[in-house]
Structure formats: C-alpha cells, structure tokens
C-alpha atoms as a PDB file:
ATOM      1  CA  MET A   1      16.877  23.348  -3.992  1.00  0.00           C
ATOM      2  CA  ILE A   2      18.474  19.784  -4.289  1.00  0.00           C
ATOM      3  CA  THR A   3      17.163  17.924  -7.086  1.00  0.00           C
ATOM      4  CA  VAL A   4      17.480  13.968  -6.997  1.00  0.00           C
ATOM      5  CA  SER A   5      16.871  11.756 -10.031  1.00  0.00           C
ATOM      6  CA  ILE A   6      16.546   8.236  -9.733  1.00  0.00           C
ATOM      7  CA  GLU A   7      16.357   6.190 -12.846  1.00  0.00           C
ATOM      8  CA  TYR A   8      14.721   2.734 -13.171  1.00  0.00           C
ATOM      9  CA  ARG A   9      15.026   0.243 -15.980  1.00  0.00           C
ATOM     10  CA  ASP A  10      13.062  -2.902 -15.668  1.00  0.00           C
ATOM     11  CA  GLU A  11      11.890  -2.158 -12.120  1.00  0.00           C
ATOM     12  CA  GLN A  12      15.254  -1.857 -10.845  1.00  0.00           C
ATOM     13  CA  ILE A  13      17.359   1.278 -10.051  1.00  0.00           C
ATOM     14  CA  VAL A  14      19.969   1.787 -12.615  1.00  0.00           C
ATOM     15  CA  ALA A  15      21.591   5.188 -11.968  1.00  0.00           C
ATOM     16  CA  PHE A  16      20.916   8.381  -9.977  1.00  0.00           C
ATOM     17  CA  THR A  17      21.882  12.092 -10.231  1.00  0.00           C
ATOM     18  CA  ILE A  18      22.104  14.841  -7.601  1.00  0.00           C
ATOM     19  CA  THR A  19      22.457  18.545  -8.439  1.00  0.00           C
ATOM     20  CA  GLY A  20      21.760  21.701  -6.632  1.00  0.00           C
ATOM     21  CA  HIS A  21      21.895  23.288  -3.175  1.00  0.00           C
ATOM     22  CA  ALA A  22      19.293  23.477  -0.590  1.00  0.00           C
ATOM     23  CA  GLY A  23      19.704  27.246   0.210  1.00  0.00           C
ATOM     24  CA  TYR A  24      18.893  26.796   3.765  1.00  0.00           C
ATOM     25  CA  ALA A  25      22.669  27.969   4.720  1.00  0.00           C
ATOM     26  CA  ALA A  26      25.950  28.708   2.994  1.00  0.00           C
ATOM     27  CA  PRO A  27      27.681  26.016   1.228  1.00  0.00           C
ATOM     28  CA  GLY A  28      29.817  23.873   3.765  1.00  0.00           C
ATOM     29  CA  GLN A  29      27.251  24.725   6.526  1.00  0.00           C
ATOM     30  CA  ASP A  30      23.843  23.655   5.080  1.00  0.00           C
ATOM     31  CA  ILE A  31      22.388  20.602   7.081  1.00  0.00           C
ATOM     32  CA  TYR A  32      20.041  19.348   4.201  1.00  0.00           C
ATOM     33  CA  CYS A  33      22.983  19.536   1.520  1.00  0.00           C
ATOM     34  CA  ALA A  34      24.717  17.243   4.115  1.00  0.00           C
ATOM     35  CA  GLY A  35      21.811  14.795   4.793  1.00  0.00           C
ATOM     36  CA  VAL A  36      21.453  14.249   0.949  1.00  0.00           C
ATOM     37  CA  SER A  37      25.359  13.984   0.701  1.00  0.00           C
ATOM     38  CA  ALA A  38      25.558  11.491   3.396  1.00  0.00           C
ATOM     39  CA  ILE A  39      22.911   9.398   2.217  1.00  0.00           C
ATOM     40  CA  ALA A  40      24.186   9.277  -1.456  1.00  0.00           C
ATOM     41  CA  GLN A  41      27.851   8.950  -0.805  1.00  0.00           C
ATOM     42  CA  THR A  42      27.165   5.956   1.577  1.00  0.00           C
ATOM     43  CA  ALA A  43      25.276   4.210  -1.118  1.00  0.00           C
ATOM     44  CA  VAL A  44      28.130   4.639  -3.504  1.00  0.00           C
ATOM     45  CA  LEU A  45      30.736   3.457  -1.105  1.00  0.00           C
ATOM     46  CA  GLY A  46      28.227   0.401  -0.475  1.00  0.00           C
ATOM     47  CA  LEU A  47      27.922  -0.184  -4.135  1.00  0.00           C
ATOM     48  CA  ALA A  48      32.042   0.046  -4.442  1.00  0.00           C
ATOM     49  CA  ARG A  49      32.789  -2.239  -1.522  1.00  0.00           C
ATOM     50  CA  HIS A  50      30.068  -4.939  -2.158  1.00  0.00           C
ATOM     51  CA  LEU A  51      29.907  -5.180  -5.985  1.00  0.00           C
ATOM     52  CA  SER A  52      32.257  -7.202  -8.075  1.00  0.00           C
ATOM     53  CA  THR A  53      32.317  -4.152 -10.353  1.00  0.00           C
ATOM     54  CA  GLY A  54      31.926  -0.728  -8.932  1.00  0.00           C
ATOM     55  CA  PRO A  55      29.458   2.047 -10.173  1.00  0.00           C
ATOM     56  CA  GLN A  56      30.630   4.505 -12.582  1.00  0.00           C
ATOM     57  CA  VAL A  57      30.940   7.945 -10.439  1.00  0.00           C
ATOM     58  CA  GLN A  58      31.110  11.551 -11.429  1.00  0.00           C
ATOM     59  CA  ILE A  59      31.224  14.185  -8.960  1.00  0.00           C
ATOM     60  CA  VAL A  60      31.514  17.912  -9.769  1.00  0.00           C
ATOM     61  CA  GLU A  61      31.833  20.349  -6.891  1.00  0.00           C
ATOM     62  CA  GLY A  62      30.950  24.052  -7.322  1.00  0.00           C
ATOM     63  CA  GLU A  63      27.883  26.479  -7.328  1.00  0.00           C
ATOM     64  CA  ASN A  64      25.525  23.564  -8.687  1.00  0.00           C
ATOM     65  CA  ASN A  65      27.357  20.503  -7.307  1.00  0.00           C
ATOM     66  CA  LEU A  66      26.644  17.341  -9.082  1.00  0.00           C
ATOM     67  CA  LEU A  67      26.663  13.530  -8.161  1.00  0.00           C
ATOM     68  CA  GLN A  68      26.207  11.059 -10.865  1.00  0.00           C
ATOM     69  CA  CYS A  69      26.190   7.344 -10.249  1.00  0.00           C
ATOM     70  CA  SER A  70      25.243   4.491 -12.489  1.00  0.00           C
ATOM     71  CA  LEU A  71      25.593   0.663 -12.291  1.00  0.00           C
ATOM     72  CA  PRO A  72      27.586  -1.149 -14.891  1.00  0.00           C
ATOM     73  CA  VAL A  73      25.313  -2.927 -17.345  1.00  0.00           C
ATOM     74  CA  ASP A  74      26.898  -6.454 -16.937  1.00  0.00           C
ATOM     75  CA  LEU A  75      26.487  -6.904 -13.302  1.00  0.00           C
ATOM     76  CA  SER A  76      25.931 -10.568 -12.175  1.00  0.00           C
ATOM     77  CA  SER A  77      22.361 -11.582 -10.722  1.00  0.00           C
ATOM     78  CA  ASP A  78      24.050 -11.580  -7.154  1.00  0.00           C
ATOM     79  CA  ASP A  79      25.447  -8.170  -7.563  1.00  0.00           C
ATOM     80  CA  ARG A  80      22.354  -6.465  -9.136  1.00  0.00           C
ATOM     81  CA  TYR A  81      20.416  -7.823  -6.069  1.00  0.00           C
ATOM     82  CA  LYS A  82      22.871  -6.284  -3.735  1.00  0.00           C
ATOM     83  CA  ALA A  83      22.991  -3.134  -5.810  1.00  0.00           C
ATOM     84  CA  GLN A  84      19.191  -3.231  -5.428  1.00  0.00           C
ATOM     85  CA  LEU A  85      19.303  -3.368  -1.577  1.00  0.00           C
ATOM     86  CA  ILE A  86      21.682  -0.638  -1.341  1.00  0.00           C
ATOM     87  CA  LEU A  87      19.797   1.679  -3.844  1.00  0.00           C
ATOM     88  CA  SER A  88      16.544   1.201  -2.424  1.00  0.00           C
ATOM     89  CA  THR A  89      17.577   1.970   1.132  1.00  0.00           C
ATOM     90  CA  MET A  90      18.930   5.243  -0.542  1.00  0.00           C
ATOM     91  CA  GLU A  91      15.734   5.888  -2.238  1.00  0.00           C
ATOM     92  CA  ALA A  92      13.835   5.419   0.869  1.00  0.00           C
ATOM     93  CA  GLY A  93      16.222   7.675   2.892  1.00  0.00           C
ATOM     94  CA  LEU A  94      15.976  10.527   0.240  1.00  0.00           C
ATOM     95  CA  LEU A  95      12.057  10.290  -0.296  1.00  0.00           C
ATOM     96  CA  SER A  96      11.906  10.548   3.625  1.00  0.00           C
ATOM     97  CA  MET A  97      13.804  13.949   3.198  1.00  0.00           C
ATOM     98  CA  GLN A  98      11.694  15.153   0.514  1.00  0.00           C
ATOM     99  CA  GLU A  99       8.409  14.232   2.877  1.00  0.00           C
ATOM    100  CA  ALA A 100      10.101  16.202   5.777  1.00  0.00           C
ATOM    101  CA  TYR A 101      11.562  19.223   3.764  1.00  0.00           C
ATOM    102  CA  PRO A 102       9.792  19.510   0.530  1.00  0.00           C
ATOM    103  CA  GLN A 103      11.227  23.231   0.289  1.00  0.00           C
ATOM    104  CA  TYR A 104      14.910  21.803   0.211  1.00  0.00           C
ATOM    105  CA  VAL A 105      14.537  18.343  -1.428  1.00  0.00           C
ATOM    106  CA  LYS A 106      12.953  17.184  -4.452  1.00  0.00           C
ATOM    107  CA  VAL A 107      12.960  13.430  -5.594  1.00  0.00           C
ATOM    108  CA  ILE A 108      12.302  12.668  -9.133  1.00  0.00           C
ATOM    109  CA  VAL A 109      11.786   8.859 -10.122  1.00  0.00           C
ATOM    110  CA  ARG A 110      11.972   7.893 -13.584  1.00  0.00           C
ATOM    111  CA  ARG A 111      10.626   4.553 -14.739  1.00  0.00           C
END
C-alpha cells in the first residue's frame, strides 16, 4: 500500500511524505503508483517553479520508495500562499485516489 502523510502546522501544509508500493502490479507497471507519483511530482515541480526558495526534497527509490518534501520555514507570505494552492490541490487529488482505491492508497493528515 502507498502511504501519504501530509503535515499541517498552523492550518497550513508544511510537508508531505510518500512511502510504499500499491502492489497492484510490478514496480514500473503499477497504475496506482504512477498516479500518486504524478500528482506528487507535479506538486514538487510547481513549488520549485513558483516559489522564490524551492522545497527541500528527498527521493529514495527501491523496495519501499520514498518521497519527502518540506517547505522552507522562511517563506514570504506570497510564497506561502502559492505553496498552499499547490499543496492543497495535491492533497485533494490524493484524497480522491484514496476514496476511489482505498486498498492501494492511504492518506494520513497530521494537524
């Protein structure tokens, strides 16, 4: 199962972590992994493109896969606003995947 952890601080998303494998098909051929990956990587690319200071990102490929992304603490209010638009859209997409495919995707929201 893919596990997504979304971390909030002061009612704003500040980080997310994605681990695991859906187990629907072999790595590289799994449509659920591909869907989660596309949503998350698009969010990371959006943050890198639209913020003055990009996010801290760690990617580890392997049996359990890992993507960690966190926002810098010193973002301007304009950058923080942009980040929330991007990250809340990512969250909506991932929650929709969880609703449709709960056996493959689990989203944990930490407030």
